[in-house]
Structures are given as C-alpha cells and as structure tokens.
Amino acid sequence: MELGKLLILLGLTLVVVGLAAMLLGRINFPLGRLPGDFLYRGKNTTVYFPLATSVVLSVVLSIVLYVISRFRR
C-alpha cells in the first residue's frame, strides 16, 4: 500500500516538473543555456556539459527539500 502511494507521488512530481520545464522553455528561461554550461561542437561530435545549470538546480532543490523537511517536523 505504501509503495503504491510513493509511486503515485513520484509520478505526480514528475508531471509537475515536466510542466514547469515546458512553461519555462516557452518564456525563454535560460535554464540549460547559462554562462557556465559547456558546449563543444566538432565535425562529427557534440558534447554538452550543463555545469552551471546543475549547480543552480542542486541549490534550488536543496533549499526546497530543506523547507519541506522543516515543515514535516
């Protein structure tokens, strides 16, 4: 029973994150194109390493999870 609730919660979370990503993409939010993101295009190869985007997302998610954990106590 608990596993089912967890899977439903994770699914809803993925839907919300997906919708937020779509909305941010439509308003030209530069997530994924920040100054610290590296892009290399060769003749036959493209390498993309989103370093700055990863750091920003990590900080934001850490803050959100910290706030959620404070409310659950």
Protein backbone atom coordinates (compact mmCIF):
# COMPACT_ATOMS: atom_id res chain seq x y z
CA MET A 1 0.00 0.00 0.00
CA GLU A 2 2.78 2.46 0.92
CA LEU A 3 4.74 1.61 -2.23
CA GLY A 4 1.73 2.45 -4.37
CA LYS A 5 1.31 5.83 -2.69
CA LEU A 6 5.01 6.56 -3.17
CA LEU A 7 4.85 5.69 -6.87
CA ILE A 8 1.80 7.91 -7.37
CA LEU A 9 3.53 10.78 -5.57
CA LEU A 10 6.67 10.36 -7.69
CA GLY A 11 4.59 10.27 -10.85
CA LEU A 12 2.74 13.45 -9.94
CA THR A 13 6.04 15.11 -9.07
CA LEU A 14 7.45 14.19 -12.48
CA VAL A 15 4.37 15.60 -14.20
CA VAL A 16 4.68 18.90 -12.30
CA VAL A 17 8.40 19.16 -13.06
CA GLY A 18 7.75 18.39 -16.73
CA LEU A 19 5.04 21.04 -16.98
CA ALA A 20 7.29 23.59 -15.26
CA ALA A 21 10.11 22.79 -17.70
CA MET A 22 7.75 23.24 -20.66
CA LEU A 23 6.49 26.58 -19.34
CA LEU A 24 10.00 27.84 -18.61
CA GLY A 25 11.04 26.82 -22.12
CA ARG A 26 8.22 28.85 -23.68
CA ILE A 27 9.17 32.03 -21.84
CA ASN A 28 12.82 31.63 -22.90
CA PHE A 29 14.15 30.99 -19.40
CA PRO A 30 17.89 30.35 -19.92
CA LEU A 31 18.00 27.11 -17.91
CA GLY A 32 20.35 24.88 -19.87
CA ARG A 33 21.99 27.86 -21.58
CA LEU A 34 23.66 29.52 -18.61
CA PRO A 35 27.17 31.03 -18.92
CA GLY A 36 28.83 28.09 -17.13
CA ASP A 37 27.33 25.43 -19.41
CA PHE A 38 29.88 23.97 -21.80
CA LEU A 39 29.08 23.08 -25.39
CA TYR A 40 31.59 21.65 -27.83
CA ARG A 41 30.66 21.05 -31.45
CA GLY A 42 33.15 19.21 -33.59
CA LYS A 43 32.77 17.85 -37.10
CA ASN A 44 31.01 14.66 -36.05
CA THR A 45 30.56 15.18 -32.32
CA THR A 46 28.59 17.41 -29.99
CA VAL A 47 29.31 17.36 -26.26
CA TYR A 48 27.13 19.30 -23.82
CA PHE A 49 28.00 19.59 -20.13
CA PRO A 50 25.50 21.72 -18.17
CA LEU A 51 27.73 22.58 -15.20
CA ALA A 52 26.10 25.87 -14.15
CA THR A 53 22.59 24.51 -14.65
CA SER A 54 23.43 21.51 -12.46
CA VAL A 55 24.73 23.75 -9.68
CA VAL A 56 21.66 26.03 -9.82
CA LEU A 57 19.24 23.09 -9.77
CA SER A 58 21.14 21.48 -6.90
CA VAL A 59 20.97 24.62 -4.78
CA VAL A 60 17.27 25.17 -5.52
CA LEU A 61 16.34 21.55 -4.79
CA SER A 62 18.40 21.57 -1.59
CA ILE A 63 16.55 24.65 -0.37
CA VAL A 64 13.14 23.20 -1.30
CA LEU A 65 13.86 19.89 0.41
CA TYR A 66 15.18 21.69 3.50
CA VAL A 67 12.00 23.75 3.75
CA ILE A 68 9.83 20.66 3.29
CA SER A 69 11.76 18.79 5.99
CA ARG A 70 11.32 21.73 8.40
CA PHE A 71 7.53 21.65 7.91
CA ARG A 72 7.32 17.88 8.43
CA ARG A 73 8.76 18.05 11.97
